[in-house]
Amino acid sequence: MSMYSAKNFRDFLNIVTETMEREKDYLCELDRKLGDGDHGVTMSIGWQAIKKELAQQDELDCSKLAVLAGKTFLEAVGSSVGPLYATGFLRGAKAIKGKEILSDADLTAFWLAFMGGVKERGQAEVGDKTMIDTLEPARIALEGAFAESGNFEEAFRVAVVAAETGMISTIDLLSKRGRSSRLGDRSLGNQDPGATSAYLILTNFLVSLPESVLE
């Protein structure tokens, strides 16, 4: 049973910010093959804005931190990815509203709401070569694995593996959404940048989990 606090959630948001900075050029390089070449910059701007806001806010629970992250990200980037992550964070926030410490069930509810919200807002399906190729397999895996074990960390590890497989699958997909859909066959052989940054967010959440207490 993990007890996830606002401090852990802050750590998560800050770890993602550091990772997006580190991977900025890589994400831009992926995007140059498929889009405007600015995905890394977009993610960097959005997450740096979250980091800045966080530094000014002390007393927030996990739900309020998620609201702050979603609204700040949207305000900072506004581009197509802005509303997607904003919806994810706001839906997730609603699922854990008013809770000081998150239980395994709360964490699962947060991520199922987050990933479901992004998919609903983006109107994309698995196979369209978008972040949904990472997030939807992760959502399905998390739901199934948590129902089976009742252990969030265990279930989320299964979800991250499914997310990675989904991300890698985008290499062999044709783009069906956004600017890259105009490339036709030229979109083949390249990993989707949005699917990649979504995967980075999920793996960083795993890193932020408090050390499991041996039961």
N, C-alpha and C. Protein backbone atom coordinates (compact mmCIF):
# COMPACT_ATOMS: atom_id res chain seq x y z
N MET A 1 0.86 -1.20 0.00
CA MET A 1 0.00 0.00 0.00
C MET A 1 0.89 1.25 0.00
N SER A 2 0.86 2.00 -1.07
CA SER A 2 1.69 3.21 -1.06
C SER A 2 0.86 4.40 -0.56
N MET A 3 1.50 5.27 0.19
CA MET A 3 0.83 6.48 0.65
C MET A 3 1.48 7.65 -0.10
N TYR A 4 0.76 8.20 -1.00
CA TYR A 4 1.33 9.20 -1.91
C TYR A 4 0.88 10.59 -1.45
N SER A 5 1.86 11.45 -1.16
CA SER A 5 1.54 12.76 -0.60
C SER A 5 1.72 13.87 -1.63
N ALA A 6 1.35 15.08 -1.23
CA ALA A 6 1.54 16.25 -2.09
C ALA A 6 3.02 16.45 -2.39
N LYS A 7 3.87 16.11 -1.44
CA LYS A 7 5.32 16.25 -1.68
C LYS A 7 5.75 15.32 -2.81
N ASN A 8 5.24 14.09 -2.80
CA ASN A 8 5.56 13.15 -3.88
C ASN A 8 5.08 13.68 -5.23
N PHE A 9 3.90 14.27 -5.22
CA PHE A 9 3.32 14.78 -6.47
C PHE A 9 4.15 15.96 -7.00
N ARG A 10 4.60 16.80 -6.08
CA ARG A 10 5.51 17.89 -6.48
C ARG A 10 6.80 17.34 -7.08
N ASP A 11 7.34 16.32 -6.42
CA ASP A 11 8.56 15.68 -6.93
C ASP A 11 8.33 15.20 -8.36
N PHE A 12 7.20 14.55 -8.57
CA PHE A 12 6.85 14.05 -9.90
C PHE A 12 6.86 15.17 -10.93
N LEU A 13 6.18 16.27 -10.63
CA LEU A 13 6.11 17.39 -11.59
C LEU A 13 7.49 17.97 -11.85
N ASN A 14 8.30 18.06 -10.81
CA ASN A 14 9.65 18.61 -10.99
C ASN A 14 10.58 17.65 -11.75
N ILE A 15 10.41 16.35 -11.50
CA ILE A 15 11.23 15.36 -12.22
C ILE A 15 10.89 15.40 -13.71
N VAL A 16 9.59 15.51 -14.03
CA VAL A 16 9.19 15.59 -15.44
C VAL A 16 9.82 16.82 -16.09
N THR A 17 9.80 17.94 -15.37
CA THR A 17 10.38 19.18 -15.91
C THR A 17 11.85 18.97 -16.27
N GLU A 18 12.59 18.36 -15.36
CA GLU A 18 14.02 18.09 -15.61
C GLU A 18 14.20 17.17 -16.81
N THR A 19 13.37 16.14 -16.88
CA THR A 19 13.47 15.17 -17.98
C THR A 19 13.17 15.83 -19.32
N MET A 20 12.13 16.66 -19.37
CA MET A 20 11.77 17.33 -20.63
C MET A 20 12.90 18.27 -21.09
N GLU A 21 13.58 18.88 -20.14
CA GLU A 21 14.74 19.74 -20.48
C GLU A 21 15.83 18.88 -21.10
N ARG A 22 16.09 17.77 -20.43
CA ARG A 22 17.17 16.87 -20.87
C ARG A 22 16.87 16.28 -22.25
N GLU A 23 15.59 15.96 -22.48
CA GLU A 23 15.21 15.28 -23.73
C GLU A 23 14.70 16.25 -24.80
N LYS A 24 14.80 17.53 -24.53
CA LYS A 24 14.23 18.55 -25.44
C LYS A 24 14.73 18.38 -26.88
N ASP A 25 16.03 18.28 -27.04
CA ASP A 25 16.60 18.17 -28.39
C ASP A 25 16.17 16.88 -29.08
N TYR A 26 16.14 15.81 -28.31
CA TYR A 26 15.72 14.51 -28.86
C TYR A 26 14.27 14.58 -29.35
N LEU A 27 13.38 15.18 -28.55
CA LEU A 27 11.97 15.30 -28.94
C LEU A 27 11.82 16.19 -30.18
N CYS A 28 12.63 17.24 -30.25
CA CYS A 28 12.59 18.12 -31.42
C CYS A 28 13.09 17.38 -32.67
N GLU A 29 14.11 16.57 -32.46
CA GLU A 29 14.67 15.79 -33.58
C GLU A 29 13.61 14.82 -34.12
N LEU A 30 12.91 14.14 -33.22
CA LEU A 30 11.82 13.24 -33.65
C LEU A 30 10.77 14.04 -34.40
N ASP A 31 10.45 15.22 -33.89
CA ASP A 31 9.38 16.04 -34.48
C ASP A 31 9.79 16.65 -35.82
N ARG A 32 11.09 16.84 -36.02
CA ARG A 32 11.54 17.39 -37.31
C ARG A 32 11.20 16.43 -38.45
N LYS A 33 11.18 15.13 -38.12
CA LYS A 33 10.89 14.13 -39.15
C LYS A 33 9.38 14.03 -39.44
N LEU A 34 8.59 14.58 -38.53
CA LEU A 34 7.14 14.39 -38.65
C LEU A 34 6.32 15.69 -38.60
N GLY A 35 6.88 16.73 -38.02
CA GLY A 35 6.05 17.93 -37.82
C GLY A 35 6.87 19.20 -37.92
N ASP A 36 6.61 20.12 -37.00
CA ASP A 36 7.28 21.43 -37.01
C ASP A 36 8.67 21.39 -36.41
N GLY A 37 9.00 20.30 -35.74
CA GLY A 37 10.31 20.21 -35.11
C GLY A 37 10.40 20.94 -33.78
N ASP A 38 9.23 21.27 -33.20
CA ASP A 38 9.26 22.06 -31.97
C ASP A 38 8.66 21.36 -30.75
N HIS A 39 8.38 20.05 -30.86
CA HIS A 39 7.69 19.38 -29.76
C HIS A 39 8.49 19.47 -28.45
N GLY A 40 9.80 19.31 -28.54
CA GLY A 40 10.64 19.39 -27.34
C GLY A 40 10.58 20.77 -26.70
N VAL A 41 10.57 21.79 -27.54
CA VAL A 41 10.49 23.18 -27.05
C VAL A 41 9.14 23.42 -26.38
N THR A 42 8.07 22.93 -27.03
CA THR A 42 6.72 23.07 -26.47
C THR A 42 6.64 22.43 -25.09
N MET A 43 7.13 21.20 -24.98
CA MET A 43 7.07 20.50 -23.69
C MET A 43 7.92 21.23 -22.65
N SER A 44 9.07 21.70 -23.08
CA SER A 44 9.95 22.43 -22.16
C SER A 44 9.25 23.68 -21.63
N ILE A 45 8.66 24.45 -22.51
CA ILE A 45 7.97 25.69 -22.10
C ILE A 45 6.84 25.37 -21.12
N GLY A 46 6.03 24.37 -21.45
CA GLY A 46 4.90 24.00 -20.60
C GLY A 46 5.33 23.55 -19.22
N TRP A 47 6.34 22.69 -19.16
CA TRP A 47 6.77 22.14 -17.87
C TRP A 47 7.57 23.15 -17.06
N GLN A 48 8.35 23.99 -17.73
CA GLN A 48 9.06 25.05 -16.99
C GLN A 48 8.06 26.00 -16.33
N ALA A 49 6.96 26.27 -17.03
CA ALA A 49 5.92 27.14 -16.47
C ALA A 49 5.31 26.50 -15.22
N ILE A 50 5.11 25.18 -15.27
CA ILE A 50 4.58 24.46 -14.11
C ILE A 50 5.56 24.57 -12.94
N LYS A 51 6.85 24.38 -13.23
CA LYS A 51 7.87 24.45 -12.18
C LYS A 51 7.86 25.83 -11.51
N LYS A 52 7.73 26.86 -12.33
CA LYS A 52 7.73 28.24 -11.82
C LYS A 52 6.51 28.49 -10.91
N GLU A 53 5.35 28.02 -11.36
CA GLU A 53 4.12 28.17 -10.57
C GLU A 53 4.23 27.41 -9.24
N LEU A 54 4.76 26.20 -9.33
CA LEU A 54 4.90 25.36 -8.13
C LEU A 54 5.72 26.05 -7.06
N ALA A 55 6.77 26.74 -7.50
CA ALA A 55 7.67 27.40 -6.56
C ALA A 55 6.96 28.50 -5.77
N GLN A 56 5.86 28.99 -6.33
CA GLN A 56 5.13 30.08 -5.66
C GLN A 56 3.96 29.59 -4.82
N GLN A 57 3.69 28.29 -4.87
CA GLN A 57 2.53 27.75 -4.15
C GLN A 57 2.99 26.74 -3.11
N ASP A 58 2.65 26.99 -1.86
CA ASP A 58 3.08 26.07 -0.81
C ASP A 58 2.05 25.01 -0.46
N GLU A 59 0.92 25.49 -0.02
CA GLU A 59 -0.05 24.58 0.60
C GLU A 59 -1.07 24.03 -0.38
N LEU A 60 -0.68 23.08 -1.19
CA LEU A 60 -1.64 22.50 -2.12
C LEU A 60 -1.65 20.98 -1.98
N ASP A 61 -2.86 20.40 -2.02
CA ASP A 61 -2.92 18.93 -2.01
C ASP A 61 -2.71 18.42 -3.44
N CYS A 62 -2.70 17.11 -3.62
CA CYS A 62 -2.42 16.52 -4.94
C CYS A 62 -3.41 16.99 -6.01
N SER A 63 -4.68 17.05 -5.64
CA SER A 63 -5.71 17.47 -6.59
C SER A 63 -5.46 18.90 -7.07
N LYS A 64 -5.16 19.79 -6.12
CA LYS A 64 -4.91 21.20 -6.49
C LYS A 64 -3.62 21.34 -7.29
N LEU A 65 -2.64 20.49 -7.00
CA LEU A 65 -1.39 20.51 -7.78
C LEU A 65 -1.67 20.08 -9.22
N ALA A 66 -2.55 19.10 -9.38
CA ALA A 66 -2.90 18.63 -10.73
C ALA A 66 -3.64 19.72 -11.50
N VAL A 67 -4.54 20.43 -10.81
CA VAL A 67 -5.27 21.54 -11.45
C VAL A 67 -4.27 22.62 -11.88
N LEU A 68 -3.35 22.95 -10.98
CA LEU A 68 -2.33 23.96 -11.28
C LEU A 68 -1.51 23.54 -12.51
N ALA A 69 -1.11 22.26 -12.54
CA ALA A 69 -0.30 21.76 -13.66
C ALA A 69 -1.08 21.87 -14.97
N GLY A 70 -2.32 21.44 -14.96
CA GLY A 70 -3.13 21.46 -16.19
C GLY A 70 -3.37 22.86 -16.71
N LYS A 71 -3.79 23.75 -15.83
CA LYS A 71 -4.09 25.13 -16.25
C LYS A 71 -2.83 25.87 -16.69
N THR A 72 -1.74 25.67 -15.96
CA THR A 72 -0.49 26.35 -16.28
C THR A 72 0.05 25.87 -17.62
N PHE A 73 -0.01 24.57 -17.84
CA PHE A 73 0.48 24.00 -19.09
C PHE A 73 -0.30 24.57 -20.28
N LEU A 74 -1.60 24.60 -20.14
CA LEU A 74 -2.46 25.11 -21.21
C LEU A 74 -2.15 26.57 -21.51
N GLU A 75 -2.01 27.35 -20.45
CA GLU A 75 -1.72 28.78 -20.60
C GLU A 75 -0.37 29.01 -21.26
N ALA A 76 0.60 28.18 -20.91
CA ALA A 76 1.97 28.37 -21.40
C ALA A 76 2.14 27.95 -22.85
N VAL A 77 1.49 26.86 -23.26
CA VAL A 77 1.73 26.38 -24.62
C VAL A 77 0.56 26.57 -25.57
N GLY A 78 -0.64 26.38 -25.08
CA GLY A 78 -1.81 26.63 -25.92
C GLY A 78 -1.94 25.77 -27.17
N SER A 79 -0.81 25.27 -27.73
CA SER A 79 -0.88 24.52 -28.98
C SER A 79 -1.71 23.25 -28.81
N SER A 80 -1.76 22.45 -29.84
CA SER A 80 -2.65 21.28 -29.82
C SER A 80 -2.46 20.39 -28.59
N VAL A 81 -1.23 20.31 -28.09
CA VAL A 81 -0.97 19.42 -26.96
C VAL A 81 -1.45 20.05 -25.64
N GLY A 82 -1.58 21.36 -25.59
CA GLY A 82 -2.01 22.05 -24.36
C GLY A 82 -3.33 21.58 -23.81
N PRO A 83 -4.40 21.63 -24.63
CA PRO A 83 -5.70 21.19 -24.15
C PRO A 83 -5.74 19.71 -23.76
N LEU A 84 -4.89 18.91 -24.40
CA LEU A 84 -4.89 17.47 -24.11
C LEU A 84 -4.39 17.20 -22.70
N TYR A 85 -3.22 17.74 -22.39
CA TYR A 85 -2.68 17.52 -21.04
C TYR A 85 -3.48 18.27 -19.99
N ALA A 86 -4.00 19.43 -20.35
CA ALA A 86 -4.84 20.17 -19.39
C ALA A 86 -6.05 19.32 -19.01
N THR A 87 -6.69 18.72 -20.01
CA THR A 87 -7.86 17.87 -19.75
C THR A 87 -7.45 16.68 -18.88
N GLY A 88 -6.31 16.07 -19.20
CA GLY A 88 -5.83 14.93 -18.41
C GLY A 88 -5.66 15.29 -16.94
N PHE A 89 -4.96 16.38 -16.71
CA PHE A 89 -4.70 16.80 -15.32
C PHE A 89 -6.00 17.20 -14.60
N LEU A 90 -6.89 17.89 -15.29
CA LEU A 90 -8.13 18.34 -14.63
C LEU A 90 -9.04 17.16 -14.31
N ARG A 91 -9.12 16.19 -15.23
CA ARG A 91 -9.92 14.99 -14.96
C ARG A 91 -9.32 14.19 -13.81
N GLY A 92 -8.01 14.09 -13.83
CA GLY A 92 -7.31 13.37 -12.75
C GLY A 92 -7.55 14.04 -11.41
N ALA A 93 -7.48 15.37 -11.41
CA ALA A 93 -7.68 16.15 -10.18
C ALA A 93 -9.05 15.88 -9.58
N LYS A 94 -10.04 15.80 -10.45
CA LYS A 94 -11.42 15.56 -10.01
C LYS A 94 -11.55 14.20 -9.31
N ALA A 95 -10.79 13.24 -9.81
CA ALA A 95 -10.87 11.87 -9.28
C ALA A 95 -10.27 11.75 -7.87
N ILE A 96 -9.44 12.73 -7.49
CA ILE A 96 -8.77 12.64 -6.16
C ILE A 96 -9.07 13.86 -5.29
N LYS A 97 -10.10 14.58 -5.65
CA LYS A 97 -10.45 15.84 -4.97
C LYS A 97 -10.56 15.68 -3.45
N GLY A 98 -9.93 16.62 -2.74
CA GLY A 98 -10.09 16.68 -1.29
C GLY A 98 -9.31 15.64 -0.49
N LYS A 99 -8.43 14.89 -1.15
CA LYS A 99 -7.67 13.85 -0.42
C LYS A 99 -6.26 14.33 -0.14
N GLU A 100 -5.87 14.24 1.10
CA GLU A 100 -4.53 14.68 1.51
C GLU A 100 -3.47 13.67 1.08
N ILE A 101 -3.77 12.41 1.34
CA ILE A 101 -2.85 11.32 1.00
C ILE A 101 -3.57 10.39 0.04
N LEU A 102 -2.88 9.97 -1.01
CA LEU A 102 -3.53 9.11 -2.00
C LEU A 102 -3.21 7.65 -1.75
N SER A 103 -4.25 6.84 -1.73
CA SER A 103 -4.08 5.39 -1.60
C SER A 103 -3.82 4.79 -2.98
N ASP A 104 -3.58 3.50 -3.02
CA ASP A 104 -3.39 2.82 -4.30
C ASP A 104 -4.61 3.02 -5.21
N ALA A 105 -5.80 2.91 -4.62
CA ALA A 105 -7.03 3.09 -5.41
C ALA A 105 -7.15 4.51 -5.95
N ASP A 106 -6.74 5.49 -5.13
CA ASP A 106 -6.79 6.90 -5.56
C ASP A 106 -5.82 7.14 -6.73
N LEU A 107 -4.61 6.61 -6.61
CA LEU A 107 -3.61 6.79 -7.66
C LEU A 107 -4.09 6.16 -8.97
N THR A 108 -4.70 5.01 -8.84
CA THR A 108 -5.24 4.33 -10.04
C THR A 108 -6.35 5.17 -10.65
N ALA A 109 -7.24 5.68 -9.81
CA ALA A 109 -8.34 6.52 -10.30
C ALA A 109 -7.81 7.77 -10.99
N PHE A 110 -6.75 8.36 -10.42
CA PHE A 110 -6.15 9.56 -11.02
C PHE A 110 -5.68 9.26 -12.44
N TRP A 111 -4.88 8.19 -12.59
CA TRP A 111 -4.29 7.91 -13.90
C TRP A 111 -5.31 7.42 -14.92
N LEU A 112 -6.29 6.66 -14.48
CA LEU A 112 -7.33 6.22 -15.43
C LEU A 112 -8.10 7.44 -15.94
N ALA A 113 -8.39 8.38 -15.03
CA ALA A 113 -9.10 9.60 -15.43
C ALA A 113 -8.22 10.48 -16.33
N PHE A 114 -6.95 10.57 -15.98
CA PHE A 114 -5.99 11.37 -16.76
C PHE A 114 -5.91 10.85 -18.20
N MET A 115 -5.64 9.55 -18.32
CA MET A 115 -5.43 8.97 -19.65
C MET A 115 -6.72 8.94 -20.46
N GLY A 116 -7.83 8.66 -19.78
CA GLY A 116 -9.12 8.68 -20.46
C GLY A 116 -9.48 10.09 -20.95
N GLY A 117 -9.15 11.09 -20.14
CA GLY A 117 -9.43 12.48 -20.49
C GLY A 117 -8.67 12.94 -21.72
N VAL A 118 -7.39 12.56 -21.79
CA VAL A 118 -6.56 12.93 -22.95
C VAL A 118 -7.14 12.31 -24.22
N LYS A 119 -7.52 11.06 -24.13
CA LYS A 119 -8.06 10.35 -25.31
C LYS A 119 -9.37 10.98 -25.77
N GLU A 120 -10.22 11.27 -24.80
CA GLU A 120 -11.52 11.86 -25.14
C GLU A 120 -11.34 13.23 -25.81
N ARG A 121 -10.45 14.02 -25.25
CA ARG A 121 -10.22 15.36 -25.79
C ARG A 121 -9.57 15.31 -27.17
N GLY A 122 -8.63 14.37 -27.33
CA GLY A 122 -7.88 14.29 -28.58
C GLY A 122 -8.61 13.59 -29.70
N GLN A 123 -9.64 12.83 -29.35
CA GLN A 123 -10.43 12.12 -30.35
C GLN A 123 -9.58 11.21 -31.24
N ALA A 124 -8.44 10.75 -30.74
CA ALA A 124 -7.59 9.86 -31.53
C ALA A 124 -7.76 8.44 -31.04
N GLU A 125 -7.39 7.50 -31.88
CA GLU A 125 -7.47 6.08 -31.53
C GLU A 125 -6.07 5.48 -31.59
N VAL A 126 -5.92 4.31 -30.99
CA VAL A 126 -4.67 3.57 -31.11
C VAL A 126 -4.46 3.28 -32.60
N GLY A 127 -3.24 3.50 -33.08
CA GLY A 127 -2.95 3.28 -34.50
C GLY A 127 -2.89 4.56 -35.30
N ASP A 128 -3.29 5.69 -34.69
CA ASP A 128 -3.25 6.98 -35.39
C ASP A 128 -1.87 7.64 -35.32
N LYS A 129 -0.95 7.01 -34.60
CA LYS A 129 0.41 7.56 -34.42
C LYS A 129 0.39 8.87 -33.65
N THR A 130 -0.11 8.79 -32.42
CA THR A 130 -0.14 9.95 -31.52
C THR A 130 0.21 9.48 -30.11
N MET A 131 0.11 10.37 -29.15
CA MET A 131 0.36 10.01 -27.76
C MET A 131 -0.62 8.94 -27.27
N ILE A 132 -1.75 8.79 -27.95
CA ILE A 132 -2.73 7.78 -27.55
C ILE A 132 -2.18 6.37 -27.72
N ASP A 133 -1.22 6.20 -28.64
CA ASP A 133 -0.59 4.89 -28.80
C ASP A 133 0.22 4.51 -27.57
N THR A 134 0.63 5.49 -26.79
CA THR A 134 1.30 5.25 -25.51
C THR A 134 0.28 5.16 -24.38
N LEU A 135 -0.64 6.12 -24.33
CA LEU A 135 -1.53 6.26 -23.17
C LEU A 135 -2.66 5.23 -23.10
N GLU A 136 -3.23 4.87 -24.23
CA GLU A 136 -4.38 3.96 -24.18
C GLU A 136 -3.98 2.53 -23.79
N PRO A 137 -2.89 1.98 -24.35
CA PRO A 137 -2.46 0.66 -23.86
C PRO A 137 -2.10 0.70 -22.36
N ALA A 138 -1.53 1.83 -21.93
CA ALA A 138 -1.19 1.97 -20.52
C ALA A 138 -2.44 1.99 -19.66
N ARG A 139 -3.46 2.69 -20.13
CA ARG A 139 -4.72 2.79 -19.37
C ARG A 139 -5.37 1.41 -19.23
N ILE A 140 -5.43 0.69 -20.34
CA ILE A 140 -6.05 -0.65 -20.32
C ILE A 140 -5.26 -1.59 -19.41
N ALA A 141 -3.93 -1.52 -19.50
CA ALA A 141 -3.08 -2.38 -18.68
C ALA A 141 -3.21 -2.05 -17.20
N LEU A 142 -3.25 -0.76 -16.88
CA LEU A 142 -3.38 -0.33 -15.48
C LEU A 142 -4.70 -0.81 -14.89
N GLU A 143 -5.76 -0.61 -15.64
CA GLU A 143 -7.09 -1.00 -15.15
C GLU A 143 -7.13 -2.50 -14.88
N GLY A 144 -6.64 -3.29 -15.83
CA GLY A 144 -6.66 -4.75 -15.69
C GLY A 144 -5.76 -5.24 -14.56
N ALA A 145 -4.54 -4.69 -14.53
CA ALA A 145 -3.57 -5.16 -13.53
C ALA A 145 -3.97 -4.76 -12.12
N PHE A 146 -4.56 -3.55 -11.97
CA PHE A 146 -4.97 -3.13 -10.63
C PHE A 146 -6.17 -3.93 -10.13
N ALA A 147 -7.07 -4.25 -11.05
CA ALA A 147 -8.24 -5.06 -10.68
C ALA A 147 -7.77 -6.42 -10.16
N GLU A 148 -6.69 -6.90 -10.73
CA GLU A 148 -6.17 -8.20 -10.35
C GLU A 148 -5.39 -8.19 -9.03
N SER A 149 -4.50 -7.19 -8.88
CA SER A 149 -3.59 -7.22 -7.72
C SER A 149 -3.96 -6.26 -6.60
N GLY A 150 -4.66 -5.16 -6.93
CA GLY A 150 -4.96 -4.15 -5.92
C GLY A 150 -3.73 -3.38 -5.48
N ASN A 151 -2.62 -3.61 -6.18
CA ASN A 151 -1.36 -2.94 -5.84
C ASN A 151 -1.03 -1.95 -6.95
N PHE A 152 -1.04 -0.65 -6.61
CA PHE A 152 -0.85 0.37 -7.64
C PHE A 152 0.52 0.27 -8.30
N GLU A 153 1.56 0.19 -7.48
CA GLU A 153 2.91 0.22 -8.07
C GLU A 153 3.11 -0.93 -9.04
N GLU A 154 2.67 -2.10 -8.62
CA GLU A 154 2.77 -3.28 -9.48
C GLU A 154 2.00 -3.05 -10.79
N ALA A 155 0.78 -2.57 -10.65
CA ALA A 155 -0.08 -2.34 -11.83
C ALA A 155 0.49 -1.25 -12.72
N PHE A 156 1.07 -0.21 -12.11
CA PHE A 156 1.60 0.90 -12.91
C PHE A 156 2.86 0.47 -13.67
N ARG A 157 3.62 -0.43 -13.06
CA ARG A 157 4.79 -0.97 -13.78
C ARG A 157 4.35 -1.72 -15.04
N VAL A 158 3.27 -2.48 -14.92
CA VAL A 158 2.70 -3.19 -16.07
C VAL A 158 2.24 -2.16 -17.12
N ALA A 159 1.64 -1.08 -16.65
CA ALA A 159 1.15 -0.03 -17.55
C ALA A 159 2.30 0.65 -18.30
N VAL A 160 3.42 0.87 -17.59
CA VAL A 160 4.57 1.52 -18.22
C VAL A 160 5.18 0.63 -19.31
N VAL A 161 5.19 -0.67 -19.07
CA VAL A 161 5.68 -1.60 -20.09
C VAL A 161 4.77 -1.54 -21.33
N ALA A 162 3.47 -1.52 -21.10
CA ALA A 162 2.51 -1.43 -22.21
C ALA A 162 2.68 -0.10 -22.95
N ALA A 163 2.95 0.96 -22.18
CA ALA A 163 3.16 2.29 -22.77
C ALA A 163 4.39 2.29 -23.67
N GLU A 164 5.45 1.64 -23.20
CA GLU A 164 6.69 1.60 -23.99
C GLU A 164 6.47 0.84 -25.30
N THR A 165 5.78 -0.29 -25.22
CA THR A 165 5.46 -1.06 -26.42
C THR A 165 4.64 -0.22 -27.39
N GLY A 166 3.67 0.51 -26.84
CA GLY A 166 2.83 1.38 -27.67
C GLY A 166 3.64 2.48 -28.33
N MET A 167 4.54 3.09 -27.56
CA MET A 167 5.40 4.15 -28.10
C MET A 167 6.23 3.62 -29.27
N ILE A 168 6.86 2.46 -29.06
CA ILE A 168 7.72 1.88 -30.10
C ILE A 168 6.91 1.49 -31.33
N SER A 169 5.65 1.08 -31.11
CA SER A 169 4.79 0.69 -32.25
C SER A 169 4.56 1.84 -33.22
N THR A 170 4.71 3.08 -32.75
CA THR A 170 4.44 4.24 -33.63
C THR A 170 5.47 4.34 -34.75
N ILE A 171 6.63 3.69 -34.58
CA ILE A 171 7.65 3.72 -35.63
C ILE A 171 7.09 3.17 -36.93
N ASP A 172 6.30 2.11 -36.83
CA ASP A 172 5.79 1.43 -38.02
C ASP A 172 4.39 1.88 -38.44
N LEU A 173 3.93 2.98 -37.85
CA LEU A 173 2.58 3.46 -38.19
C LEU A 173 2.63 4.64 -39.16
N LEU A 174 1.57 4.76 -39.94
CA LEU A 174 1.37 5.95 -40.77
C LEU A 174 0.66 6.99 -39.93
N SER A 175 1.07 8.24 -40.06
CA SER A 175 0.39 9.30 -39.31
C SER A 175 -1.01 9.54 -39.88
N LYS A 176 -1.98 9.61 -38.98
CA LYS A 176 -3.36 9.86 -39.44
C LYS A 176 -3.92 11.15 -38.86
N ARG A 177 -3.10 11.83 -38.05
CA ARG A 177 -3.58 13.03 -37.36
C ARG A 177 -2.60 14.16 -37.55
N GLY A 178 -3.12 15.38 -37.49
CA GLY A 178 -2.25 16.55 -37.45
C GLY A 178 -1.42 16.72 -38.71
N ARG A 179 -0.41 17.57 -38.59
CA ARG A 179 0.41 17.95 -39.73
C ARG A 179 1.12 16.76 -40.37
N SER A 180 1.57 15.84 -39.53
CA SER A 180 2.36 14.73 -40.06
C SER A 180 1.53 13.80 -40.95
N SER A 181 0.18 13.89 -40.86
CA SER A 181 -0.65 13.02 -41.70
C SER A 181 -0.47 13.34 -43.19
N ARG A 182 0.03 14.55 -43.48
CA ARG A 182 0.26 14.91 -44.89
C ARG A 182 1.49 14.23 -45.48
N LEU A 183 2.31 13.64 -44.61
CA LEU A 183 3.54 13.03 -45.10
C LEU A 183 3.32 11.69 -45.79
N GLY A 184 2.16 11.07 -45.54
CA GLY A 184 1.91 9.76 -46.13
C GLY A 184 2.96 8.76 -45.69
N ASP A 185 3.51 8.02 -46.66
CA ASP A 185 4.49 6.96 -46.35
C ASP A 185 5.74 7.50 -45.67
N ARG A 186 6.02 8.78 -45.84
CA ARG A 186 7.24 9.34 -45.25
C ARG A 186 7.17 9.39 -43.72
N SER A 187 5.97 9.21 -43.18
CA SER A 187 5.88 9.19 -41.70
C SER A 187 6.29 7.83 -41.14
N LEU A 188 6.42 6.83 -42.01
CA LEU A 188 6.84 5.50 -41.56
C LEU A 188 8.31 5.52 -41.12
N GLY A 189 8.62 4.67 -40.14
CA GLY A 189 10.01 4.54 -39.71
C GLY A 189 10.43 5.57 -38.69
N ASN A 190 9.50 6.43 -38.28
CA ASN A 190 9.84 7.46 -37.28
C ASN A 190 8.91 7.35 -36.07
N GLN A 191 9.53 7.39 -34.89
CA GLN A 191 8.74 7.32 -33.65
C GLN A 191 8.04 8.65 -33.40
N ASP A 192 6.79 8.55 -32.96
CA ASP A 192 6.01 9.77 -32.74
C ASP A 192 6.51 10.54 -31.51
N PRO A 193 6.78 11.85 -31.67
CA PRO A 193 7.29 12.63 -30.52
C PRO A 193 6.29 12.73 -29.37
N GLY A 194 5.02 12.87 -29.69
CA GLY A 194 3.99 12.97 -28.64
C GLY A 194 3.86 11.69 -27.84
N ALA A 195 3.97 10.56 -28.53
CA ALA A 195 3.94 9.26 -27.85
C ALA A 195 5.16 9.12 -26.95
N THR A 196 6.27 9.72 -27.38
CA THR A 196 7.52 9.64 -26.62
C THR A 196 7.47 10.48 -25.35
N SER A 197 6.99 11.72 -25.47
CA SER A 197 6.92 12.57 -24.27
C SER A 197 5.88 12.04 -23.29
N ALA A 198 4.80 11.43 -23.81
CA ALA A 198 3.80 10.83 -22.91
C ALA A 198 4.42 9.68 -22.12
N TYR A 199 5.27 8.91 -22.79
CA TYR A 199 5.96 7.80 -22.11
C TYR A 199 6.90 8.33 -21.02
N LEU A 200 7.57 9.43 -21.31
CA LEU A 200 8.48 10.02 -20.32
C LEU A 200 7.72 10.45 -19.07
N ILE A 201 6.53 10.99 -19.25
CA ILE A 201 5.71 11.42 -18.11
C ILE A 201 5.35 10.21 -17.23
N LEU A 202 4.95 9.11 -17.87
CA LEU A 202 4.57 7.93 -17.11
C LEU A 202 5.76 7.32 -16.36
N THR A 203 6.91 7.19 -17.01
CA THR A 203 8.06 6.59 -16.32
C THR A 203 8.51 7.47 -15.16
N ASN A 204 8.37 8.78 -15.33
CA ASN A 204 8.75 9.68 -14.23
C ASN A 204 7.81 9.57 -13.04
N PHE A 205 6.57 9.20 -13.28
CA PHE A 205 5.66 9.01 -12.15
C PHE A 205 6.12 7.80 -11.33
N LEU A 206 6.58 6.79 -12.02
CA LEU A 206 7.10 5.60 -11.35
C LEU A 206 8.27 5.99 -10.44
N VAL A 207 9.14 6.85 -10.95
CA VAL A 207 10.30 7.31 -10.19
C VAL A 207 9.89 8.08 -8.92
N SER A 208 8.75 8.77 -9.00
CA SER A 208 8.33 9.62 -7.87
C SER A 208 7.64 8.84 -6.76
N LEU A 209 7.34 7.58 -7.01
CA LEU A 209 6.62 6.81 -5.98
C LEU A 209 7.49 6.64 -4.74
N PRO A 210 6.87 6.80 -3.55
CA PRO A 210 7.66 6.63 -2.32
C PRO A 210 8.17 5.19 -2.26
N GLU A 211 9.31 5.02 -1.60
CA GLU A 211 9.85 3.66 -1.46
C GLU A 211 8.79 2.76 -0.85
N SER A 212 8.59 1.64 -1.49
CA SER A 212 7.56 0.71 -1.00
C SER A 212 7.93 0.21 0.39
N VAL A 213 6.95 0.22 1.26
CA VAL A 213 7.16 -0.33 2.60
C VAL A 213 6.94 -1.83 2.49
N LEU A 214 7.87 -2.58 2.98
CA LEU A 214 7.71 -4.04 2.92
C LEU A 214 6.56 -4.45 3.84
N GLU A 215 5.68 -5.24 3.26
CA GLU A 215 4.50 -5.62 4.07
C GLU A 215 4.68 -7.00 4.66
